Amino acid sequence: MLTQLAAALGVLGLLTVVPGPDLAIVTRRAVVAGPRDGLRTVGGIASGLLVWGALTVAGLAAVLAASPVAYLVLKLLGAGYLVFLGVRTLRQHRRAAPSATETDTHAHTAGGSP
């Protein structure tokens, strides 16, 4: 039992220090939107990990492992949320990007060639 706990803690420690997708997300947010937004991203990631850890301790991981239906529902909810975030991001990007006619108009008024 003690050997298994030590091995689990060792793996957990290794996974904690290895850079992963979280690092890429935080780096991107900090570079694109500034350090304040990077810190908010870190807070969101840490909050999510804390909630997941608490739910795991409470036994949710065992329930999901024992119930394929519950696991499927959770995966579908997560996928739906990611689709929602993607659509929202695309809509925001489309609103923020200048249209081709606006770019052409600025080029003609600035003396640029058509």
C-alpha atoms as a PDB file:
ATOM      1  CA  MET A   1       0.000   0.000   0.000  1.00  0.00           C
ATOM      2  CA  LEU A   2       2.727   2.463   0.970  1.00  0.00           C
ATOM      3  CA  THR A   3       4.741   1.540  -2.138  1.00  0.00           C
ATOM      4  CA  GLN A   4       1.715   2.224  -4.371  1.00  0.00           C
ATOM      5  CA  LEU A   5       1.097   5.575  -2.702  1.00  0.00           C
ATOM      6  CA  ALA A   6       4.754   6.575  -3.155  1.00  0.00           C
ATOM      7  CA  ALA A   7       4.618   5.559  -6.825  1.00  0.00           C
ATOM      8  CA  ALA A   8       1.378   7.490  -7.374  1.00  0.00           C
ATOM      9  CA  LEU A   9       2.817  10.591  -5.704  1.00  0.00           C
ATOM     10  CA  GLY A  10       5.958  10.293  -7.837  1.00  0.00           C
ATOM     11  CA  VAL A  11       3.943  10.126 -11.049  1.00  0.00           C
ATOM     12  CA  LEU A  12       1.740  12.995  -9.875  1.00  0.00           C
ATOM     13  CA  GLY A  13       4.815  15.091  -9.113  1.00  0.00           C
ATOM     14  CA  LEU A  14       6.299  14.336 -12.525  1.00  0.00           C
ATOM     15  CA  LEU A  15       3.068  15.224 -14.314  1.00  0.00           C
ATOM     16  CA  THR A  16       2.869  18.460 -12.360  1.00  0.00           C
ATOM     17  CA  VAL A  17       6.250  19.753 -13.533  1.00  0.00           C
ATOM     18  CA  VAL A  18       6.057  18.568 -17.162  1.00  0.00           C
ATOM     19  CA  PRO A  19       4.788  21.339 -19.454  1.00  0.00           C
ATOM     20  CA  GLY A  20       1.502  20.554 -21.116  1.00  0.00           C
ATOM     21  CA  PRO A  21      -1.341  22.222 -22.971  1.00  0.00           C
ATOM     22  CA  ASP A  22      -2.044  24.467 -19.976  1.00  0.00           C
ATOM     23  CA  LEU A  23       1.344  26.113 -20.415  1.00  0.00           C
ATOM     24  CA  ALA A  24       0.629  26.760 -24.090  1.00  0.00           C
ATOM     25  CA  ILE A  25      -2.750  28.314 -23.278  1.00  0.00           C
ATOM     26  CA  VAL A  26      -1.342  30.548 -20.556  1.00  0.00           C
ATOM     27  CA  THR A  27       1.578  31.625 -22.759  1.00  0.00           C
ATOM     28  CA  ARG A  28      -0.721  32.450 -25.674  1.00  0.00           C
ATOM     29  CA  ARG A  29      -3.141  34.446 -23.515  1.00  0.00           C
ATOM     30  CA  ALA A  30      -0.302  36.365 -21.859  1.00  0.00           C
ATOM     31  CA  VAL A  31       1.340  37.222 -25.186  1.00  0.00           C
ATOM     32  CA  VAL A  32      -1.878  38.106 -27.030  1.00  0.00           C
ATOM     33  CA  ALA A  33      -3.848  39.853 -24.284  1.00  0.00           C
ATOM     34  CA  GLY A  34      -1.236  40.770 -21.685  1.00  0.00           C
ATOM     35  CA  PRO A  35      -0.032  39.473 -18.327  1.00  0.00           C
ATOM     36  CA  ARG A  36      -3.282  40.260 -16.515  1.00  0.00           C
ATOM     37  CA  ASP A  37      -5.216  37.971 -18.857  1.00  0.00           C
ATOM     38  CA  GLY A  38      -2.498  35.350 -18.475  1.00  0.00           C
ATOM     39  CA  LEU A  39      -2.992  35.439 -14.707  1.00  0.00           C
ATOM     40  CA  ARG A  40      -6.765  35.103 -15.129  1.00  0.00           C
ATOM     41  CA  THR A  41      -6.126  32.054 -17.304  1.00  0.00           C
ATOM     42  CA  VAL A  42      -3.888  30.559 -14.612  1.00  0.00           C
ATOM     43  CA  GLY A  43      -6.645  31.192 -12.060  1.00  0.00           C
ATOM     44  CA  GLY A  44      -9.210  29.456 -14.254  1.00  0.00           C
ATOM     45  CA  ILE A  45      -6.983  26.449 -14.817  1.00  0.00           C
ATOM     46  CA  ALA A  46      -6.152  26.182 -11.117  1.00  0.00           C
ATOM     47  CA  SER A  47      -9.836  26.474 -10.180  1.00  0.00           C
ATOM     48  CA  GLY A  48     -10.763  23.742 -12.635  1.00  0.00           C
ATOM     49  CA  LEU A  49      -8.058  21.446 -11.297  1.00  0.00           C
ATOM     50  CA  LEU A  50      -9.188  22.117  -7.735  1.00  0.00           C
ATOM     51  CA  VAL A  51     -12.817  21.291  -8.570  1.00  0.00           C
ATOM     52  CA  TRP A  52     -11.815  18.135 -10.445  1.00  0.00           C
ATOM     53  CA  GLY A  53      -9.574  17.058  -7.561  1.00  0.00           C
ATOM     54  CA  ALA A  54     -12.358  17.622  -5.029  1.00  0.00           C
ATOM     55  CA  LEU A  55     -14.834  15.661  -7.147  1.00  0.00           C
ATOM     56  CA  THR A  56     -12.329  12.853  -7.537  1.00  0.00           C
ATOM     57  CA  VAL A  57     -11.861  12.662  -3.794  1.00  0.00           C
ATOM     58  CA  ALA A  58     -15.644  12.671  -3.390  1.00  0.00           C
ATOM     59  CA  GLY A  59     -15.852   9.595  -5.612  1.00  0.00           C
ATOM     60  CA  LEU A  60     -16.982  10.986  -8.943  1.00  0.00           C
ATOM     61  CA  ALA A  61     -14.093   9.280 -10.720  1.00  0.00           C
ATOM     62  CA  ALA A  62     -15.249   5.908  -9.379  1.00  0.00           C
ATOM     63  CA  VAL A  63     -18.833   6.579 -10.499  1.00  0.00           C
ATOM     64  CA  LEU A  64     -17.680   7.559 -13.989  1.00  0.00           C
ATOM     65  CA  ALA A  65     -15.455   4.505 -14.206  1.00  0.00           C
ATOM     66  CA  ALA A  66     -18.330   2.226 -13.157  1.00  0.00           C
ATOM     67  CA  SER A  67     -21.006   3.833 -15.342  1.00  0.00           C
ATOM     68  CA  PRO A  68     -20.330   4.110 -19.071  1.00  0.00           C
ATOM     69  CA  VAL A  69     -23.573   6.069 -19.524  1.00  0.00           C
ATOM     70  CA  ALA A  70     -22.573   8.716 -16.958  1.00  0.00           C
ATOM     71  CA  TYR A  71     -19.144   8.964 -18.583  1.00  0.00           C
ATOM     72  CA  LEU A  72     -20.700   9.360 -22.042  1.00  0.00           C
ATOM     73  CA  VAL A  73     -23.033  12.101 -20.774  1.00  0.00           C
ATOM     74  CA  LEU A  74     -20.107  13.960 -19.211  1.00  0.00           C
ATOM     75  CA  LYS A  75     -18.080  13.656 -22.433  1.00  0.00           C
ATOM     76  CA  LEU A  76     -20.992  14.927 -24.530  1.00  0.00           C
ATOM     77  CA  LEU A  77     -21.548  17.885 -22.196  1.00  0.00           C
ATOM     78  CA  GLY A  78     -17.845  18.719 -22.376  1.00  0.00           C
ATOM     79  CA  ALA A  79     -17.826  18.430 -26.169  1.00  0.00           C
ATOM     80  CA  GLY A  80     -20.908  20.656 -26.403  1.00  0.00           C
ATOM     81  CA  TYR A  81     -19.244  23.276 -24.242  1.00  0.00           C
ATOM     82  CA  LEU A  82     -16.100  23.203 -26.394  1.00  0.00           C
ATOM     83  CA  VAL A  83     -18.216  23.623 -29.546  1.00  0.00           C
ATOM     84  CA  PHE A  84     -19.960  26.587 -27.892  1.00  0.00           C
ATOM     85  CA  LEU A  85     -16.603  28.179 -27.058  1.00  0.00           C
ATOM     86  CA  GLY A  86     -15.334  27.592 -30.596  1.00  0.00           C
ATOM     87  CA  VAL A  87     -18.400  29.120 -32.245  1.00  0.00           C
ATOM     88  CA  ARG A  88     -18.255  32.114 -29.906  1.00  0.00           C
ATOM     89  CA  THR A  89     -14.566  32.630 -30.683  1.00  0.00           C
ATOM     90  CA  LEU A  90     -15.180  32.426 -34.431  1.00  0.00           C
ATOM     91  CA  ARG A  91     -17.997  34.967 -34.182  1.00  0.00           C
ATOM     92  CA  GLN A  92     -15.834  37.357 -32.179  1.00  0.00           C
ATOM     93  CA  HIS A  93     -12.980  36.940 -34.646  1.00  0.00           C
ATOM     94  CA  ARG A  94     -15.283  37.581 -37.589  1.00  0.00           C
ATOM     95  CA  ARG A  95     -16.563  40.813 -35.969  1.00  0.00           C
ATOM     96  CA  ALA A  96     -13.033  41.994 -35.164  1.00  0.00           C
ATOM     97  CA  ALA A  97     -11.513  41.249 -38.607  1.00  0.00           C
ATOM     98  CA  PRO A  98     -11.850  44.012 -41.213  1.00  0.00           C
ATOM     99  CA  SER A  99     -13.742  43.014 -44.312  1.00  0.00           C
ATOM    100  CA  ALA A 100     -12.025  42.788 -47.712  1.00  0.00           C
ATOM    101  CA  THR A 101     -13.923  45.832 -49.043  1.00  0.00           C
ATOM    102  CA  GLU A 102     -12.746  47.957 -46.110  1.00  0.00           C
ATOM    103  CA  THR A 103      -9.142  46.908 -46.772  1.00  0.00           C
ATOM    104  CA  ASP A 104      -9.481  47.695 -50.498  1.00  0.00           C
ATOM    105  CA  THR A 105     -11.044  51.087 -49.738  1.00  0.00           C
ATOM    106  CA  HIS A 106      -8.172  52.035 -47.417  1.00  0.00           C
ATOM    107  CA  ALA A 107      -5.611  50.974 -50.030  1.00  0.00           C
ATOM    108  CA  HIS A 108      -7.234  53.138 -52.759  1.00  0.00           C
ATOM    109  CA  THR A 109      -7.546  56.195 -50.516  1.00  0.00           C
ATOM    110  CA  ALA A 110      -3.933  55.881 -49.365  1.00  0.00           C
ATOM    111  CA  GLY A 111      -2.664  55.920 -52.933  1.00  0.00           C
ATOM    112  CA  GLY A 112      -2.095  52.209 -53.147  1.00  0.00           C
ATOM    113  CA  SER A 113      -2.538  50.268 -56.361  1.00  0.00           C
ATOM    114  CA  PRO A 114      -5.713  48.205 -56.884  1.00  0.00           C
END
